[in-house]
C-alpha atoms as a PDB file:
ATOM      1  CA  MET A   1      91.819  17.689 -28.933  1.00  0.00           C
ATOM      2  CA  THR A   2      88.286  16.461 -29.559  1.00  0.00           C
ATOM      3  CA  ASN A   3      87.047  14.036 -26.911  1.00  0.00           C
ATOM      4  CA  VAL A   4      83.880  12.229 -27.917  1.00  0.00           C
ATOM      5  CA  SER A   5      82.463  10.427 -24.926  1.00  0.00           C
ATOM      6  CA  SER A   6      80.550   7.879 -27.120  1.00  0.00           C
ATOM      7  CA  GLU A   7      83.941   6.614 -28.319  1.00  0.00           C
ATOM      8  CA  SER A   8      85.338   5.979 -24.850  1.00  0.00           C
ATOM      9  CA  SER A   9      84.058   2.380 -24.634  1.00  0.00           C
ATOM     10  CA  VAL A  10      84.541   1.654 -28.351  1.00  0.00           C
ATOM     11  CA  ASP A  11      87.754   0.594 -30.053  1.00  0.00           C
ATOM     12  CA  VAL A  12      89.196   3.396 -32.212  1.00  0.00           C
ATOM     13  CA  VAL A  13      91.214   2.138 -35.101  1.00  0.00           C
ATOM     14  CA  ASP A  14      93.466   4.682 -36.819  1.00  0.00           C
ATOM     15  CA  VAL A  15      94.610   3.279 -40.158  1.00  0.00           C
ATOM     16  CA  ARG A  16      96.422   6.433 -41.253  1.00  0.00           C
ATOM     17  CA  THR A  17      99.707   4.895 -40.079  1.00  0.00           C
ATOM     18  CA  LEU A  18      99.280   1.855 -42.333  1.00  0.00           C
ATOM     19  CA  VAL A  19     100.263   1.764 -45.972  1.00  0.00           C
ATOM     20  CA  PRO A  20      97.181   1.857 -48.184  1.00  0.00           C
ATOM     21  CA  ALA A  21      97.628  -1.735 -49.284  1.00  0.00           C
ATOM     22  CA  GLN A  22      97.261  -2.899 -45.638  1.00  0.00           C
ATOM     23  CA  ARG A  23      94.262  -0.817 -44.631  1.00  0.00           C
ATOM     24  CA  HIS A  24      91.403  -2.775 -46.161  1.00  0.00           C
ATOM     25  CA  ALA A  25      92.886  -6.100 -44.903  1.00  0.00           C
ATOM     26  CA  LYS A  26      93.060  -4.700 -41.389  1.00  0.00           C
ATOM     27  CA  ILE A  27      89.549  -3.270 -41.531  1.00  0.00           C
ATOM     28  CA  PHE A  28      88.125  -6.606 -42.842  1.00  0.00           C
ATOM     29  CA  GLN A  29      89.897  -8.419 -40.055  1.00  0.00           C
ATOM     30  CA  LEU A  30      88.191  -6.188 -37.573  1.00  0.00           C
ATOM     31  CA  VAL A  31      84.768  -6.474 -39.202  1.00  0.00           C
ATOM     32  CA  ASN A  32      85.134 -10.267 -39.183  1.00  0.00           C
ATOM     33  CA  ALA A  33      85.929 -10.238 -35.441  1.00  0.00           C
ATOM     34  CA  LEU A  34      82.907  -8.139 -34.472  1.00  0.00           C
ATOM     35  CA  THR A  35      80.158  -9.856 -32.513  1.00  0.00           C
ATOM     36  CA  PRO A  36      76.535  -8.840 -33.084  1.00  0.00           C
ATOM     37  CA  GLY A  37      76.003  -5.431 -31.565  1.00  0.00           C
ATOM     38  CA  GLY A  38      79.755  -4.724 -31.488  1.00  0.00           C
ATOM     39  CA  ARG A  39      81.329  -1.749 -33.225  1.00  0.00           C
ATOM     40  CA  PHE A  40      84.574   0.214 -33.725  1.00  0.00           C
ATOM     41  CA  VAL A  41      85.433   3.697 -34.913  1.00  0.00           C
ATOM     42  CA  LEU A  42      87.627   3.924 -38.089  1.00  0.00           C
ATOM     43  CA  VAL A  43      89.939   6.926 -38.457  1.00  0.00           C
ATOM     44  CA  ASN A  44      91.194   7.626 -41.908  1.00  0.00           C
ATOM     45  CA  ASP A  45      92.796  10.453 -43.914  1.00  0.00           C
ATOM     46  CA  HIS A  46      90.208  10.341 -46.708  1.00  0.00           C
ATOM     47  CA  ASP A  47      86.547   9.439 -47.137  1.00  0.00           C
ATOM     48  CA  PRO A  48      86.399   5.646 -46.886  1.00  0.00           C
ATOM     49  CA  LYS A  49      83.239   5.454 -48.967  1.00  0.00           C
ATOM     50  CA  PRO A  50      84.699   2.790 -51.380  1.00  0.00           C
ATOM     51  CA  LEU A  51      85.202   0.589 -48.343  1.00  0.00           C
ATOM     52  CA  TYR A  52      81.467   0.931 -47.559  1.00  0.00           C
ATOM     53  CA  TYR A  53      80.631  -0.461 -50.960  1.00  0.00           C
ATOM     54  CA  GLN A  54      83.111  -3.264 -50.547  1.00  0.00           C
ATOM     55  CA  LEU A  55      81.663  -4.171 -47.129  1.00  0.00           C
ATOM     56  CA  GLU A  56      78.128  -4.008 -48.402  1.00  0.00           C
ATOM     57  CA  ALA A  57      79.064  -6.380 -51.232  1.00  0.00           C
ATOM     58  CA  GLU A  58      80.704  -8.864 -48.868  1.00  0.00           C
ATOM     59  CA  TYR A  59      78.260  -8.553 -45.992  1.00  0.00           C
ATOM     60  CA  PRO A  60      74.959  -7.203 -47.346  1.00  0.00           C
ATOM     61  CA  ASN A  61      72.733  -5.664 -44.629  1.00  0.00           C
ATOM     62  CA  GLN A  62      74.990  -6.973 -41.853  1.00  0.00           C
ATOM     63  CA  PHE A  63      76.690  -3.854 -40.567  1.00  0.00           C
ATOM     64  CA  SER A  64      76.074  -0.169 -39.745  1.00  0.00           C
ATOM     65  CA  TRP A  65      78.068   2.719 -41.106  1.00  0.00           C
ATOM     66  CA  THR A  66      77.823   6.130 -39.363  1.00  0.00           C
ATOM     67  CA  TYR A  67      79.959   9.134 -40.199  1.00  0.00           C
ATOM     68  CA  ILE A  68      81.203  10.848 -37.058  1.00  0.00           C
ATOM     69  CA  GLU A  69      83.574  13.324 -38.732  1.00  0.00           C
ATOM     70  CA  ARG A  70      83.760  14.129 -42.429  1.00  0.00           C
ATOM     71  CA  GLY A  71      87.192  15.615 -43.159  1.00  0.00           C
ATOM     72  CA  PRO A  72      88.721  17.338 -44.774  1.00  0.00           C
ATOM     73  CA  ASP A  73      91.805  16.047 -42.964  1.00  0.00           C
ATOM     74  CA  VAL A  74      90.340  13.382 -40.698  1.00  0.00           C
ATOM     75  CA  TRP A  75      87.432  11.064 -41.310  1.00  0.00           C
ATOM     76  CA  ARG A  76      85.809   9.022 -38.516  1.00  0.00           C
ATOM     77  CA  VAL A  77      83.236   6.330 -39.190  1.00  0.00           C
ATOM     78  CA  GLY A  78      81.519   4.127 -36.758  1.00  0.00           C
ATOM     79  CA  ILE A  79      81.287   0.563 -38.144  1.00  0.00           C
ATOM     80  CA  GLY A  80      79.150  -1.927 -36.302  1.00  0.00           C
ATOM     81  CA  LYS A  81      77.832  -5.437 -36.771  1.00  0.00           C
ATOM     82  CA  LEU A  82      74.044  -5.473 -36.616  1.00  0.00           C
ATOM     83  CA  ALA A  83      72.426  -7.685 -34.027  1.00  0.00           C
ATOM     84  CA  LYS A  84      70.362 -10.378 -35.595  1.00  0.00           C
ATOM     85  CA  ALA A  85      66.617 -10.067 -35.169  1.00  0.00           C
ATOM     86  CA  GLY A  86      65.250 -12.845 -33.041  1.00  0.00           C
END
């Protein structure tokens, strides 16, 4: 029902259909595939804040994390790979 125009050119990845054990593996696969400046929108059924801490531990200061929607049923987070400063 909600159409966010900023998401129209960005991949939207809905992990709600995956079993919990597969979610982080899929998200890390997507993060690893991002090019500098690239991003995707993660859709989940709970606050993925633990994932934020895991990403920050693996890739310190290398990605952006922006909440687009904060539940209670649907959570949307923009995750992007930061462009390197030249």
